[in-house]
């Protein structure tokens, strides 16, 4: 009886894993778009235009822009030279998927 229950549990777990696989990572293109959006907003001092990750800081709060800038750009963003942001900006080869990736997307 005990072996039968264990067998049934194993079969149920195995089939559940096959039926609903989980997508663990986002597409690299969406991650790249998000990072470009954050970098551009930080360089232009427009962090308040990015999505609000905090439920307790409404967009009309007096410190909203400062909180968003701290979250996305860091504490010393104004002291960071624009050349440093350029260093982190993705290159052309990173922005365009390689040939095998393009074929997989089709």
PDB file of N, CA and C in Angstrom:
ATOM      1  N   UNK A   1       0.825  -1.199   0.000  1.00  0.00           N
ATOM      2  CA  UNK A   1       0.000   0.000   0.000  1.00  0.00           C
ATOM      3  C   UNK A   1       0.869   1.262   0.000  1.00  0.00           C
ATOM      4  N   UNK A   2       1.898   1.232   0.826  1.00  0.00           N
ATOM      5  CA  UNK A   2       2.776   2.386   0.947  1.00  0.00           C
ATOM      6  C   UNK A   2       3.513   2.650  -0.362  1.00  0.00           C
ATOM      7  N   UNK A   3       3.983   1.597  -1.016  1.00  0.00           N
ATOM      8  CA  UNK A   3       4.675   1.744  -2.298  1.00  0.00           C
ATOM      9  C   UNK A   3       3.728   2.285  -3.367  1.00  0.00           C
ATOM     10  N   UNK A   4       2.486   1.855  -3.300  1.00  0.00           N
ATOM     11  CA  UNK A   4       1.498   2.310  -4.275  1.00  0.00           C
ATOM     12  C   UNK A   4       1.256   3.821  -4.135  1.00  0.00           C
ATOM     13  N   UNK A   5       1.150   4.300  -2.919  1.00  0.00           N
ATOM     14  CA  UNK A   5       0.948   5.737  -2.676  1.00  0.00           C
ATOM     15  C   UNK A   5       2.150   6.538  -3.148  1.00  0.00           C
ATOM     16  N   UNK A   6       3.334   6.052  -2.852  1.00  0.00           N
ATOM     17  CA  UNK A   6       4.548   6.751  -3.270  1.00  0.00           C
ATOM     18  C   UNK A   6       4.627   6.792  -4.791  1.00  0.00           C
ATOM     19  N   UNK A   7       4.290   5.696  -5.442  1.00  0.00           N
ATOM     20  CA  UNK A   7       4.313   5.654  -6.907  1.00  0.00           C
ATOM     21  C   UNK A   7       3.335   6.661  -7.501  1.00  0.00           C
ATOM     22  N   UNK A   8       2.162   6.734  -6.938  1.00  0.00           N
ATOM     23  CA  UNK A   8       1.147   7.663  -7.429  1.00  0.00           C
ATOM     24  C   UNK A   8       1.610   9.109  -7.244  1.00  0.00           C
ATOM     25  N   UNK A   9       2.191   9.416  -6.097  1.00  0.00           N
ATOM     26  CA  UNK A   9       2.680  10.768  -5.830  1.00  0.00           C
ATOM     27  C   UNK A   9       3.785  11.136  -6.815  1.00  0.00           C
ATOM     28  N   UNK A  10       4.703  10.224  -7.072  1.00  0.00           N
ATOM     29  CA  UNK A  10       5.795  10.478  -8.011  1.00  0.00           C
ATOM     30  C   UNK A  10       5.254  10.721  -9.415  1.00  0.00           C
ATOM     31  N   UNK A  11       4.293   9.931  -9.839  1.00  0.00           N
ATOM     32  CA  UNK A  11       3.702  10.096 -11.170  1.00  0.00           C
ATOM     33  C   UNK A  11       2.989  11.441 -11.280  1.00  0.00           C
ATOM     34  N   UNK A  12       2.247  11.812 -10.255  1.00  0.00           N
ATOM     35  CA  UNK A  12       1.533  13.091 -10.271  1.00  0.00           C
ATOM     36  C   UNK A  12       2.522  14.257 -10.338  1.00  0.00           C
ATOM     37  N   UNK A  13       3.575  14.208  -9.548  1.00  0.00           N
ATOM     38  CA  UNK A  13       4.572  15.284  -9.557  1.00  0.00           C
ATOM     39  C   UNK A  13       5.272  15.357 -10.905  1.00  0.00           C
ATOM     40  N   UNK A  14       5.629  14.216 -11.467  1.00  0.00           N
ATOM     41  CA  UNK A  14       6.330  14.190 -12.751  1.00  0.00           C
ATOM     42  C   UNK A  14       5.454  14.748 -13.868  1.00  0.00           C
ATOM     43  N   UNK A  15       4.194  14.370 -13.916  1.00  0.00           N
ATOM     44  CA  UNK A  15       3.318  14.864 -14.984  1.00  0.00           C
ATOM     45  C   UNK A  15       2.985  16.339 -14.795  1.00  0.00           C
ATOM     46  N   UNK A  16       2.886  16.794 -13.575  1.00  0.00           N
ATOM     47  CA  UNK A  16       2.626  18.210 -13.332  1.00  0.00           C
ATOM     48  C   UNK A  16       3.778  19.059 -13.843  1.00  0.00           C
ATOM     49  N   UNK A  17       4.990  18.599 -13.659  1.00  0.00           N
ATOM     50  CA  UNK A  17       6.154  19.322 -14.157  1.00  0.00           C
ATOM     51  C   UNK A  17       6.194  19.381 -15.666  1.00  0.00           C
ATOM     52  N   UNK A  18       5.675  18.376 -16.331  1.00  0.00           N
ATOM     53  CA  UNK A  18       5.669  18.362 -17.788  1.00  0.00           C
ATOM     54  C   UNK A  18       4.548  19.213 -18.369  1.00  0.00           C
ATOM     55  N   UNK A  19       3.456  19.312 -17.657  1.00  0.00           N
ATOM     56  CA  UNK A  19       2.293  20.025 -18.167  1.00  0.00           C
ATOM     57  C   UNK A  19       2.489  21.537 -18.118  1.00  0.00           C
ATOM     58  N   UNK A  20       3.033  22.057 -17.038  1.00  0.00           N
ATOM     59  CA  UNK A  20       3.135  23.507 -16.870  1.00  0.00           C
ATOM     60  C   UNK A  20       4.577  23.938 -16.616  1.00  0.00           C
ATOM     61  N   UNK A  21       5.402  23.943 -17.656  1.00  0.00           N
ATOM     62  CA  UNK A  21       6.772  24.418 -17.440  1.00  0.00           C
ATOM     63  C   UNK A  21       6.779  25.922 -17.161  1.00  0.00           C
ATOM     64  N   UNK A  22       7.691  26.343 -16.347  1.00  0.00           N
ATOM     65  CA  UNK A  22       7.771  27.740 -15.946  1.00  0.00           C
ATOM     66  C   UNK A  22       8.855  28.445 -16.751  1.00  0.00           C
ATOM     67  N   UNK A  23       8.535  29.634 -17.212  1.00  0.00           N
ATOM     68  CA  UNK A  23       9.529  30.442 -17.922  1.00  0.00           C
ATOM     69  C   UNK A  23      10.281  31.257 -16.869  1.00  0.00           C
ATOM     70  N   UNK A  24      11.527  30.872 -16.616  1.00  0.00           N
ATOM     71  CA  UNK A  24      12.280  31.459 -15.518  1.00  0.00           C
ATOM     72  C   UNK A  24      12.910  32.799 -15.859  1.00  0.00           C
ATOM     73  N   UNK A  25      13.199  33.051 -17.125  1.00  0.00           N
ATOM     74  CA  UNK A  25      13.868  34.282 -17.499  1.00  0.00           C
ATOM     75  C   UNK A  25      13.057  35.034 -18.542  1.00  0.00           C
ATOM     76  N   UNK A  26      13.185  36.359 -18.484  1.00  0.00           N
ATOM     77  CA  UNK A  26      12.559  37.181 -19.511  1.00  0.00           C
ATOM     78  C   UNK A  26      13.405  37.134 -20.773  1.00  0.00           C
ATOM     79  N   UNK A  27      12.799  37.496 -21.884  1.00  0.00           N
ATOM     80  CA  UNK A  27      13.557  37.588 -23.125  1.00  0.00           C
ATOM     81  C   UNK A  27      14.645  38.638 -22.975  1.00  0.00           C
ATOM     82  N   UNK A  28      15.781  38.391 -23.592  1.00  0.00           N
ATOM     83  CA  UNK A  28      16.890  39.343 -23.478  1.00  0.00           C
ATOM     84  C   UNK A  28      16.548  40.678 -24.125  1.00  0.00           C
ATOM     85  N   UNK A  29      15.686  40.661 -25.133  1.00  0.00           N
ATOM     86  CA  UNK A  29      15.301  41.919 -25.786  1.00  0.00           C
ATOM     87  C   UNK A  29      14.528  42.822 -24.832  1.00  0.00           C
ATOM     88  N   UNK A  30      13.611  42.266 -24.048  1.00  0.00           N
ATOM     89  CA  UNK A  30      12.851  43.096 -23.118  1.00  0.00           C
ATOM     90  C   UNK A  30      13.743  43.595 -21.992  1.00  0.00           C
ATOM     91  N   UNK A  31      14.690  42.770 -21.550  1.00  0.00           N
ATOM     92  CA  UNK A  31      15.624  43.218 -20.521  1.00  0.00           C
ATOM     93  C   UNK A  31      16.474  44.362 -21.052  1.00  0.00           C
ATOM     94  N   UNK A  32      16.903  44.260 -22.296  1.00  0.00           N
ATOM     95  CA  UNK A  32      17.727  45.295 -22.913  1.00  0.00           C
ATOM     96  C   UNK A  32      16.933  46.588 -23.065  1.00  0.00           C
ATOM     97  N   UNK A  33      15.675  46.475 -23.467  1.00  0.00           N
ATOM     98  CA  UNK A  33      14.830  47.660 -23.600  1.00  0.00           C
ATOM     99  C   UNK A  33      14.645  48.338 -22.250  1.00  0.00           C
ATOM    100  N   UNK A  34      14.437  47.535 -21.205  1.00  0.00           N
ATOM    101  CA  UNK A  34      14.262  48.099 -19.870  1.00  0.00           C
ATOM    102  C   UNK A  34      15.527  48.797 -19.399  1.00  0.00           C
ATOM    103  N   UNK A  35      16.687  48.180 -19.640  1.00  0.00           N
ATOM    104  CA  UNK A  35      17.929  48.808 -19.194  1.00  0.00           C
ATOM    105  C   UNK A  35      18.185  50.097 -19.969  1.00  0.00           C
ATOM    106  N   UNK A  36      17.883  50.111 -21.268  1.00  0.00           N
ATOM    107  CA  UNK A  36      18.025  51.341 -22.055  1.00  0.00           C
ATOM    108  C   UNK A  36      17.086  52.427 -21.543  1.00  0.00           C
ATOM    109  N   UNK A  37      15.877  52.036 -21.201  1.00  0.00           N
ATOM    110  CA  UNK A  37      14.889  52.985 -20.702  1.00  0.00           C
ATOM    111  C   UNK A  37      15.367  53.595 -19.380  1.00  0.00           C
ATOM    112  N   UNK A  38      15.917  52.772 -18.501  1.00  0.00           N
ATOM    113  CA  UNK A  38      16.405  53.261 -17.210  1.00  0.00           C
ATOM    114  C   UNK A  38      17.600  54.184 -17.406  1.00  0.00           C
ATOM    115  N   UNK A  39      18.545  53.769 -18.239  1.00  0.00           N
ATOM    116  CA  UNK A  39      19.734  54.600 -18.481  1.00  0.00           C
ATOM    117  C   UNK A  39      19.333  55.949 -19.067  1.00  0.00           C
ATOM    118  N   UNK A  40      18.453  55.931 -20.058  1.00  0.00           N
ATOM    119  CA  UNK A  40      18.018  57.191 -20.677  1.00  0.00           C
ATOM    120  C   UNK A  40      17.308  58.093 -19.674  1.00  0.00           C
ATOM    121  N   UNK A  41      16.449  57.515 -18.848  1.00  0.00           N
ATOM    122  CA  UNK A  41      15.734  58.314 -17.854  1.00  0.00           C
ATOM    123  C   UNK A  41      16.700  58.901 -16.828  1.00  0.00           C
ATOM    124  N   UNK A  42      17.709  58.142 -16.441  1.00  0.00           N
ATOM    125  CA  UNK A  42      18.686  58.644 -15.470  1.00  0.00           C
ATOM    126  C   UNK A  42      19.546  59.747 -16.073  1.00  0.00           C
ATOM    127  N   UNK A  43      19.983  59.561 -17.298  1.00  0.00           N
ATOM    128  CA  UNK A  43      20.812  60.574 -17.956  1.00  0.00           C
ATOM    129  C   UNK A  43      20.029  61.878 -18.119  1.00  0.00           C
ATOM    130  N   UNK A  44      18.740  61.784 -18.423  1.00  0.00           N
ATOM    131  CA  UNK A  44      17.906  62.967 -18.651  1.00  0.00           C
ATOM    132  C   UNK A  44      17.253  63.485 -17.370  1.00  0.00           C
ATOM    133  N   UNK A  45      17.586  62.872 -16.227  1.00  0.00           N
ATOM    134  CA  UNK A  45      17.008  63.245 -14.935  1.00  0.00           C
ATOM    135  C   UNK A  45      15.479  63.137 -14.960  1.00  0.00           C
ATOM    136  N   UNK A  46      14.968  62.042 -15.533  1.00  0.00           N
ATOM    137  CA  UNK A  46      13.532  61.810 -15.664  1.00  0.00           C
ATOM    138  C   UNK A  46      13.128  60.466 -15.055  1.00  0.00           C
ATOM    139  N   UNK A  47      13.712  60.090 -13.940  1.00  0.00           N
ATOM    140  CA  UNK A  47      13.426  58.791 -13.325  1.00  0.00           C
ATOM    141  C   UNK A  47      11.958  58.656 -12.928  1.00  0.00           C
ATOM    142  N   UNK A  48      11.273  59.764 -12.698  1.00  0.00           N
ATOM    143  CA  UNK A  48       9.867  59.705 -12.300  1.00  0.00           C
ATOM    144  C   UNK A  48       8.973  59.186 -13.419  1.00  0.00           C
ATOM    145  N   UNK A  49       9.483  59.085 -14.642  1.00  0.00           N
ATOM    146  CA  UNK A  49       8.686  58.564 -15.757  1.00  0.00           C
ATOM    147  C   UNK A  49       8.722  57.038 -15.829  1.00  0.00           C
ATOM    148  N   UNK A  50       9.588  56.406 -15.038  1.00  0.00           N
ATOM    149  CA  UNK A  50       9.708  54.942 -15.034  1.00  0.00           C
ATOM    150  C   UNK A  50       8.615  54.339 -14.156  1.00  0.00           C
ATOM    151  N   UNK A  51       8.360  53.028 -14.292  1.00  0.00           N
ATOM    152  CA  UNK A  51       7.324  52.385 -13.473  1.00  0.00           C
ATOM    153  C   UNK A  51       7.623  52.513 -11.977  1.00  0.00           C
ATOM    154  N   UNK A  52       6.588  52.762 -11.200  1.00  0.00           N
ATOM    155  CA  UNK A  52       6.734  52.935  -9.754  1.00  0.00           C
ATOM    156  C   UNK A  52       6.729  51.573  -9.060  1.00  0.00           C
ATOM    157  N   UNK A  53       7.860  51.159  -8.456  1.00  0.00           N
ATOM    158  CA  UNK A  53       7.907  49.861  -7.785  1.00  0.00           C
ATOM    159  C   UNK A  53       7.397  49.916  -6.345  1.00  0.00           C
ATOM    160  N   UNK A  54       7.034  51.084  -5.859  1.00  0.00           N
ATOM    161  CA  UNK A  54       6.637  51.251  -4.464  1.00  0.00           C
ATOM    162  C   UNK A  54       5.145  51.548  -4.356  1.00  0.00           C
ATOM    163  N   UNK A  55       4.448  50.761  -3.561  1.00  0.00           N
ATOM    164  CA  UNK A  55       3.011  50.982  -3.391  1.00  0.00           C
ATOM    165  C   UNK A  55       2.728  52.095  -2.382  1.00  0.00           C
ATOM    166  N   UNK A  56       3.713  52.442  -1.552  1.00  0.00           N
ATOM    167  CA  UNK A  56       3.486  53.440  -0.515  1.00  0.00           C
ATOM    168  C   UNK A  56       3.971  54.846  -0.887  1.00  0.00           C
ATOM    169  N   UNK A  57       4.402  55.037  -2.137  1.00  0.00           N
ATOM    170  CA  UNK A  57       4.837  56.365  -2.594  1.00  0.00           C
ATOM    171  C   UNK A  57       4.026  56.722  -3.843  1.00  0.00           C
ATOM    172  N   UNK A  58       2.922  57.460  -3.668  1.00  0.00           N
ATOM    173  CA  UNK A  58       2.111  57.827  -4.836  1.00  0.00           C
ATOM    174  C   UNK A  58       2.835  58.855  -5.707  1.00  0.00           C
ATOM    175  N   UNK A  59       2.432  58.945  -6.949  1.00  0.00           N
ATOM    176  CA  UNK A  59       3.105  59.838  -7.898  1.00  0.00           C
ATOM    177  C   UNK A  59       2.925  61.313  -7.551  1.00  0.00           C
ATOM    178  N   UNK A  60       1.944  61.648  -6.711  1.00  0.00           N
ATOM    179  CA  UNK A  60       1.766  63.049  -6.328  1.00  0.00           C
ATOM    180  C   UNK A  60       2.446  63.387  -4.998  1.00  0.00           C
ATOM    181  N   UNK A  61       3.207  62.451  -4.439  1.00  0.00           N
ATOM    182  CA  UNK A  61       3.932  62.692  -3.191  1.00  0.00           C
ATOM    183  C   UNK A  61       5.084  63.661  -3.446  1.00  0.00           C
ATOM    184  N   UNK A  62       5.390  64.507  -2.474  1.00  0.00           N
ATOM    185  CA  UNK A  62       6.424  65.528  -2.659  1.00  0.00           C
ATOM    186  C   UNK A  62       7.809  64.928  -2.894  1.00  0.00           C
ATOM    187  N   UNK A  63       8.070  63.717  -2.408  1.00  0.00           N
ATOM    188  CA  UNK A  63       9.398  63.109  -2.559  1.00  0.00           C
ATOM    189  C   UNK A  63       9.439  62.049  -3.658  1.00  0.00           C
ATOM    190  N   UNK A  64       8.394  61.978  -4.474  1.00  0.00           N
ATOM    191  CA  UNK A  64       8.305  60.919  -5.483  1.00  0.00           C
ATOM    192  C   UNK A  64       9.504  60.911  -6.427  1.00  0.00           C
ATOM    193  N   UNK A  65       9.867  62.067  -6.961  1.00  0.00           N
ATOM    194  CA  UNK A  65      10.978  62.125  -7.914  1.00  0.00           C
ATOM    195  C   UNK A  65      12.287  61.701  -7.251  1.00  0.00           C
ATOM    196  N   UNK A  66      12.520  62.131  -6.023  1.00  0.00           N
ATOM    197  CA  UNK A  66      13.750  61.764  -5.314  1.00  0.00           C
ATOM    198  C   UNK A  66      13.797  60.262  -5.036  1.00  0.00           C
ATOM    199  N   UNK A  67      12.673  59.691  -4.644  1.00  0.00           N
ATOM    200  CA  UNK A  67      12.617  58.250  -4.364  1.00  0.00           C
ATOM    201  C   UNK A  67      12.870  57.451  -5.635  1.00  0.00           C
ATOM    202  N   UNK A  68      12.250  57.848  -6.720  1.00  0.00           N
ATOM    203  CA  UNK A  68      12.440  57.137  -7.988  1.00  0.00           C
ATOM    204  C   UNK A  68      13.876  57.274  -8.489  1.00  0.00           C
ATOM    205  N   UNK A  69      14.458  58.464  -8.342  1.00  0.00           N
ATOM    206  CA  UNK A  69      15.844  58.668  -8.763  1.00  0.00           C
ATOM    207  C   UNK A  69      16.782  57.811  -7.928  1.00  0.00           C
ATOM    208  N   UNK A  70      16.560  57.755  -6.623  1.00  0.00           N
ATOM    209  CA  UNK A  70      17.398  56.910  -5.758  1.00  0.00           C
ATOM    210  C   UNK A  70      17.264  55.445  -6.146  1.00  0.00           C
ATOM    211  N   UNK A  71      16.034  55.011  -6.429  1.00  0.00           N
ATOM    212  CA  UNK A  71      15.811  53.597  -6.750  1.00  0.00           C
ATOM    213  C   UNK A  71      16.476  53.209  -8.066  1.00  0.00           C
ATOM    214  N   UNK A  72      16.232  53.962  -9.104  1.00  0.00           N
ATOM    215  CA  UNK A  72      16.705  53.587 -10.433  1.00  0.00           C
ATOM    216  C   UNK A  72      18.133  54.048 -10.736  1.00  0.00           C
ATOM    217  N   UNK A  73      18.504  55.220 -10.264  1.00  0.00           N
ATOM    218  CA  UNK A  73      19.777  55.816 -10.686  1.00  0.00           C
ATOM    219  C   UNK A  73      20.856  55.770  -9.615  1.00  0.00           C
ATOM    220  N   UNK A  74      20.484  55.584  -8.379  1.00  0.00           N
ATOM    221  CA  UNK A  74      21.464  55.555  -7.304  1.00  0.00           C
ATOM    222  C   UNK A  74      21.557  56.898  -6.599  1.00  0.00           C
ATOM    223  N   UNK A  75      22.258  56.888  -5.477  1.00  0.00           N
ATOM    224  CA  UNK A  75      22.309  58.066  -4.618  1.00  0.00           C
ATOM    225  C   UNK A  75      23.094  59.219  -5.229  1.00  0.00           C
ATOM    226  N   UNK A  76      24.143  58.923  -5.961  1.00  0.00           N
ATOM    227  CA  UNK A  76      25.020  59.978  -6.452  1.00  0.00           C
ATOM    228  C   UNK A  76      24.921  60.136  -7.961  1.00  0.00           C
ATOM    229  N   UNK A  77      23.739  60.011  -8.517  1.00  0.00           N
ATOM    230  CA  UNK A  77      23.565  60.083  -9.958  1.00  0.00           C
ATOM    231  C   UNK A  77      23.997  61.433 -10.509  1.00  0.00           C
ATOM    232  N   UNK A  78      23.699  62.510  -9.820  1.00  0.00           N
ATOM    233  CA  UNK A  78      24.072  63.838 -10.308  1.00  0.00           C
ATOM    234  C   UNK A  78      25.586  64.003 -10.349  1.00  0.00           C
ATOM    235  N   UNK A  79      26.298  63.273  -9.491  1.00  0.00           N
ATOM    236  CA  UNK A  79      27.754  63.359  -9.462  1.00  0.00           C
ATOM    237  C   UNK A  79      28.399  62.425 -10.486  1.00  0.00           C
ATOM    238  N   UNK A  80      27.605  61.572 -11.112  1.00  0.00           N
ATOM    239  CA  UNK A  80      28.139  60.618 -12.084  1.00  0.00           C
ATOM    240  C   UNK A  80      28.279  61.297 -13.439  1.00  0.00           C
ATOM    241  N   UNK A  81      29.470  61.288 -14.006  1.00  0.00           N
ATOM    242  CA  UNK A  81      29.640  61.914 -15.320  1.00  0.00           C
ATOM    243  C   UNK A  81      28.899  61.137 -16.406  1.00  0.00           C
ATOM    244  N   UNK A  82      28.347  61.821 -17.405  1.00  0.00           N
ATOM    245  CA  UNK A  82      27.625  61.145 -18.486  1.00  0.00           C
ATOM    246  C   UNK A  82      28.470  60.097 -19.208  1.00  0.00           C
ATOM    247  N   UNK A  83      29.784  60.283 -19.241  1.00  0.00           N
ATOM    248  CA  UNK A  83      30.655  59.304 -19.905  1.00  0.00           C
ATOM    249  C   UNK A  83      30.564  57.941 -19.231  1.00  0.00           C
ATOM    250  N   UNK A  84      30.330  57.940 -17.921  1.00  0.00           N
ATOM    251  CA  UNK A  84      30.201  56.666 -17.215  1.00  0.00           C
ATOM    252  C   UNK A  84      28.921  55.954 -17.631  1.00  0.00           C
ATOM    253  N   UNK A  85      27.830  56.710 -17.833  1.00  0.00           N
ATOM    254  CA  UNK A  85      26.595  56.099 -18.316  1.00  0.00           C
ATOM    255  C   UNK A  85      26.798  55.530 -19.712  1.00  0.00           C
ATOM    256  N   UNK A  86      27.551  56.234 -20.541  1.00  0.00           N
ATOM    257  CA  UNK A  86      27.840  55.744 -21.893  1.00  0.00           C
ATOM    258  C   UNK A  86      28.585  54.418 -21.842  1.00  0.00           C
ATOM    259  N   UNK A  87      29.423  54.256 -20.843  1.00  0.00           N
ATOM    260  CA  UNK A  87      30.187  53.019 -20.698  1.00  0.00           C
ATOM    261  C   UNK A  87      29.254  51.827 -20.466  1.00  0.00           C
ATOM    262  N   UNK A  88      28.157  52.063 -19.757  1.00  0.00           N
ATOM    263  CA  UNK A  88      27.221  50.983 -19.454  1.00  0.00           C
ATOM    264  C   UNK A  88      26.168  50.786 -20.533  1.00  0.00           C
ATOM    265  N   UNK A  89      26.065  51.709 -21.463  1.00  0.00           N
ATOM    266  CA  UNK A  89      25.095  51.600 -22.551  1.00  0.00           C
ATOM    267  C   UNK A  89      25.477  50.418 -23.441  1.00  0.00           C
ATOM    268  N   UNK A  90      24.516  49.535 -23.810  1.00  0.00           N
ATOM    269  CA  UNK A  90      24.844  48.373 -24.647  1.00  0.00           C
ATOM    270  C   UNK A  90      25.327  48.782 -26.036  1.00  0.00           C
ATOM    271  N   UNK A  91      26.213  47.989 -26.585  1.00  0.00           N
ATOM    272  CA  UNK A  91      26.741  48.251 -27.920  1.00  0.00           C
ATOM    273  C   UNK A  91      25.791  47.711 -28.973  1.00  0.00           C
ATOM    274  N   UNK A  92      26.070  47.998 -30.241  1.00  0.00           N
ATOM    275  CA  UNK A  92      25.236  47.521 -31.351  1.00  0.00           C
ATOM    276  C   UNK A  92      25.139  46.002 -31.355  1.00  0.00           C
ATOM    277  N   UNK A  93      26.260  45.326 -31.109  1.00  0.00           N
ATOM    278  CA  UNK A  93      26.248  43.858 -31.150  1.00  0.00           C
ATOM    279  C   UNK A  93      25.398  43.281 -30.028  1.00  0.00           C
ATOM    280  N   UNK A  94      25.300  43.975 -28.898  1.00  0.00           N
ATOM    281  CA  UNK A  94      24.467  43.495 -27.804  1.00  0.00           C
ATOM    282  C   UNK A  94      22.995  43.772 -28.070  1.00  0.00           C
ATOM    283  N   UNK A  95      22.691  44.798 -28.842  1.00  0.00           N
ATOM    284  CA  UNK A  95      21.304  45.157 -29.094  1.00  0.00           C
ATOM    285  C   UNK A  95      20.655  44.282 -30.145  1.00  0.00           C
ATOM    286  N   UNK A  96      21.425  43.795 -31.110  1.00  0.00           N
ATOM    287  CA  UNK A  96      20.863  42.990 -32.184  1.00  0.00           C
ATOM    288  C   UNK A  96      21.097  41.515 -31.883  1.00  0.00           C
ATOM    289  N   UNK A  97      20.033  40.680 -31.912  1.00  0.00           N
ATOM    290  CA  UNK A  97      20.222  39.255 -31.663  1.00  0.00           C
ATOM    291  C   UNK A  97      21.042  38.614 -32.778  1.00  0.00           C
ATOM    292  N   UNK A  98      21.765  37.583 -32.413  1.00  0.00           N
ATOM    293  CA  UNK A  98      22.582  36.885 -33.402  1.00  0.00           C
ATOM    294  C   UNK A  98      21.693  36.097 -34.359  1.00  0.00           C
ATOM    295  N   UNK A  99      22.253  35.574 -35.437  1.00  0.00           N
ATOM    296  CA  UNK A  99      21.506  34.842 -36.461  1.00  0.00           C
ATOM    297  C   UNK A  99      20.720  33.670 -35.874  1.00  0.00           C
ATOM    298  N   UNK A 100      21.312  32.794 -35.039  1.00  0.00           N
ATOM    299  CA  UNK A 100      20.515  31.683 -34.496  1.00  0.00           C
ATOM    300  C   UNK A 100      19.329  32.161 -33.669  1.00  0.00           C
ATOM    301  N   UNK A 101      19.504  33.261 -32.906  1.00  0.00           N
ATOM    302  CA  UNK A 101      18.400  33.777 -32.109  1.00  0.00           C
ATOM    303  C   UNK A 101      17.290  34.309 -33.004  1.00  0.00           C
ATOM    304  N   UNK A 102      17.645  34.972 -34.110  1.00  0.00           N
ATOM    305  CA  UNK A 102      16.636  35.483 -35.031  1.00  0.00           C
ATOM    306  C   UNK A 102      15.855  34.338 -35.653  1.00  0.00           C
ATOM    307  N   UNK A 103      16.531  33.235 -35.975  1.00  0.00           N
ATOM    308  CA  UNK A 103      15.847  32.095 -36.573  1.00  0.00           C
ATOM    309  C   UNK A 103      14.923  31.438 -35.562  1.00  0.00           C
ATOM    310  N   UNK A 104      15.316  31.411 -34.291  1.00  0.00           N
ATOM    311  CA  UNK A 104      14.467  30.826 -33.266  1.00  0.00           C
ATOM    312  C   UNK A 104      13.206  31.653 -33.048  1.00  0.00           C
ATOM    313  N   UNK A 105      13.318  32.968 -33.197  1.00  0.00           N
ATOM    314  CA  UNK A 105      12.172  33.836 -32.972  1.00  0.00           C
ATOM    315  C   UNK A 105      11.137  33.719 -34.078  1.00  0.00           C
ATOM    316  N   UNK A 106      11.527  33.251 -35.258  1.00  0.00           N
ATOM    317  CA  UNK A 106      10.597  33.138 -36.392  1.00  0.00           C
ATOM    318  C   UNK A 106       9.770  31.936 -36.307  1.00  0.00           C
TER     319      UNK A 106
END
